[in-house]
């Protein structure tokens, strides 16, 4: 509840402002349209950039907002101060596919590791923790031409 009421609106405000550079290196906004309501939601998520134009984000399966993305082929995102159209792929079941992307994300960001329940040993994410995370997390891949 604290995220939805306080933290998300503050992050969205910053990411839409000229001050976006303070956080846009690791956070973007997904423009999610409700499947039943048609209402637009703005969801700030951290991301990992694999290469130019290929980003991954994750969320926990109980966070139901991601289900609105399962039928979408494209989505609008706010990335580094610009709105761009992105192809989207949502994967919630294939652990073999999800694992390497989570490993890259958690290796890159201990903050994401913390929220993913990942422990670290000698600076590396613990493999068993990542394997467990693949069972409870949803991978969201974004692929777009650089803005």
Protein backbone atom coordinates (compact mmCIF):
# COMPACT_ATOMS: atom_id res chain seq x y z
CA UNK A 1 0.00 0.00 0.00
CA UNK A 2 2.86 2.43 0.79
CA UNK A 3 4.26 1.81 -2.69
CA UNK A 4 0.98 2.51 -4.47
CA UNK A 5 0.08 5.57 -2.42
CA UNK A 6 3.42 7.28 -1.86
CA UNK A 7 6.52 5.86 -3.51
CA UNK A 8 5.10 5.14 -7.00
CA UNK A 9 3.56 8.63 -7.45
CA UNK A 10 6.83 10.27 -6.34
CA UNK A 11 8.87 8.11 -8.74
CA UNK A 12 6.48 8.82 -11.62
CA UNK A 13 6.65 12.56 -10.90
CA UNK A 14 10.47 12.50 -10.92
CA UNK A 15 10.65 10.31 -14.04
CA UNK A 16 8.34 12.69 -15.95
CA UNK A 17 10.28 15.78 -14.85
CA UNK A 18 13.58 17.28 -16.01
CA UNK A 19 15.06 15.64 -12.89
CA UNK A 20 14.46 12.16 -14.36
CA UNK A 21 18.23 11.67 -14.70
CA UNK A 22 18.38 11.11 -10.94
CA UNK A 23 16.66 7.71 -11.27
CA UNK A 24 16.07 6.95 -14.95
CA UNK A 25 19.31 4.97 -15.20
CA UNK A 26 17.58 2.17 -13.28
CA UNK A 27 13.82 2.86 -13.24
CA UNK A 28 11.29 3.20 -16.07
CA UNK A 29 7.52 3.52 -16.22
CA UNK A 30 5.26 0.97 -17.87
CA UNK A 31 1.97 2.32 -19.26
CA UNK A 32 -0.40 -0.54 -18.49
CA UNK A 33 -3.99 -0.58 -19.74
CA UNK A 34 -6.46 -2.55 -17.63
CA UNK A 35 -7.84 -5.46 -19.65
CA UNK A 36 -11.35 -5.17 -18.21
CA UNK A 37 -11.58 -1.48 -17.34
CA UNK A 38 -9.48 0.11 -20.09
CA UNK A 39 -8.05 2.37 -17.39
CA UNK A 40 -4.42 3.44 -17.77
CA UNK A 41 -2.00 2.63 -14.96
CA UNK A 42 1.56 3.88 -14.61
CA UNK A 43 3.87 1.33 -13.01
CA UNK A 44 7.45 2.30 -12.17
CA UNK A 45 9.80 -0.70 -12.31
CA UNK A 46 13.53 -1.17 -12.08
CA UNK A 47 15.18 -2.59 -15.16
CA UNK A 48 18.34 -4.20 -16.45
CA UNK A 49 19.61 -3.22 -19.89
CA UNK A 50 21.09 -6.25 -21.66
CA UNK A 51 21.95 -4.27 -24.79
CA UNK A 52 20.63 -1.15 -26.46
CA UNK A 53 16.88 -1.56 -26.74
CA UNK A 54 16.58 -4.81 -24.76
CA UNK A 55 15.47 -4.40 -21.16
CA UNK A 56 14.15 -6.77 -18.53
CA UNK A 57 12.10 -6.08 -15.42
CA UNK A 58 10.48 -8.40 -12.92
CA UNK A 59 7.57 -8.45 -10.53
CA UNK A 60 6.18 -10.96 -8.08
CA UNK A 61 3.40 -13.18 -9.42
CA UNK A 62 0.91 -12.07 -6.71
CA UNK A 63 1.13 -8.50 -8.09
CA UNK A 64 -1.76 -8.93 -10.49
CA UNK A 65 -1.12 -5.85 -12.67
CA UNK A 66 1.28 -7.80 -14.92
CA UNK A 67 -1.60 -9.98 -16.16
CA UNK A 68 -2.80 -6.98 -18.18
CA UNK A 69 0.37 -7.33 -20.25
CA UNK A 70 0.06 -10.99 -21.23
CA UNK A 71 -2.02 -10.35 -24.35
CA UNK A 72 -0.17 -7.19 -25.42
CA UNK A 73 2.34 -7.18 -28.28
CA UNK A 74 3.46 -3.61 -27.64
CA UNK A 75 3.39 -1.19 -24.78
CA UNK A 76 4.28 2.43 -24.22
CA UNK A 77 7.06 3.06 -21.70
CA UNK A 78 8.76 6.10 -20.26
CA UNK A 79 12.48 5.38 -20.65
CA UNK A 80 15.15 7.91 -19.75
CA UNK A 81 12.76 10.84 -20.07
CA UNK A 82 11.16 9.77 -23.36
CA UNK A 83 7.98 7.91 -24.20
CA UNK A 84 8.68 5.03 -26.58
CA UNK A 85 6.73 2.11 -28.01
CA UNK A 86 8.23 -1.23 -27.10
CA UNK A 87 7.54 -4.81 -28.03
CA UNK A 88 6.79 -6.80 -24.90
CA UNK A 89 7.14 -10.40 -23.81
CA UNK A 90 5.84 -11.62 -20.45
CA UNK A 91 7.12 -14.95 -19.15
CA UNK A 92 5.75 -16.42 -15.94
CA UNK A 93 6.27 -20.18 -16.28
CA UNK A 94 9.50 -21.13 -18.10
CA UNK A 95 12.13 -21.15 -15.34
CA UNK A 96 14.90 -22.08 -17.77
CA UNK A 97 14.15 -18.94 -19.77
CA UNK A 98 13.69 -16.71 -16.73
CA UNK A 99 16.80 -17.84 -14.80
CA UNK A 100 19.58 -16.22 -16.89
CA UNK A 101 17.68 -12.92 -17.06
CA UNK A 102 17.14 -12.89 -13.30
CA UNK A 103 20.77 -13.81 -12.74
CA UNK A 104 21.87 -10.83 -14.85
CA UNK A 105 19.46 -8.48 -13.07
CA UNK A 106 20.43 -9.61 -9.58
CA UNK A 107 24.15 -9.58 -10.43
CA UNK A 108 23.77 -6.02 -11.67
CA UNK A 109 21.58 -4.71 -8.83
CA UNK A 110 21.68 -5.70 -5.18
CA UNK A 111 18.59 -3.58 -4.63
CA UNK A 112 16.65 -5.81 -7.03
CA UNK A 113 18.24 -8.78 -5.28
CA UNK A 114 16.99 -7.53 -1.94
CA UNK A 115 13.42 -7.19 -3.23
CA UNK A 116 13.76 -10.58 -4.94
CA UNK A 117 14.83 -12.27 -1.69
CA UNK A 118 18.28 -13.02 -3.05
CA UNK A 119 21.29 -13.60 -0.83
CA UNK A 120 24.86 -12.91 -1.95
CA UNK A 121 28.09 -14.79 -1.36
CA UNK A 122 31.40 -13.17 -2.32
CA UNK A 123 29.47 -10.51 -4.24
CA UNK A 124 27.55 -12.98 -6.42
CA UNK A 125 23.86 -13.91 -6.12
CA UNK A 126 23.26 -17.31 -4.55
CA UNK A 127 22.16 -19.72 -7.29
CA UNK A 128 19.51 -21.51 -5.21
CA UNK A 129 17.93 -18.16 -4.32
CA UNK A 130 17.69 -17.29 -8.01
CA UNK A 131 16.18 -20.71 -8.78
CA UNK A 132 13.53 -20.10 -6.11
CA UNK A 133 12.89 -16.60 -7.46
CA UNK A 134 12.15 -18.00 -10.93
CA UNK A 135 9.17 -19.83 -9.41
CA UNK A 136 7.64 -16.73 -7.83
CA UNK A 137 8.58 -13.96 -10.24
CA UNK A 138 7.39 -12.83 -13.66
CA UNK A 139 9.87 -11.67 -16.29
CA UNK A 140 8.90 -8.71 -18.45
CA UNK A 141 11.06 -8.15 -21.53
CA UNK A 142 10.98 -4.91 -23.48
CA UNK A 143 12.53 -4.59 -26.91
CA UNK A 144 12.57 -1.30 -28.78
CA UNK A 145 14.64 0.84 -31.09
CA UNK A 146 16.71 3.33 -29.15
CA UNK A 147 14.82 6.63 -28.69
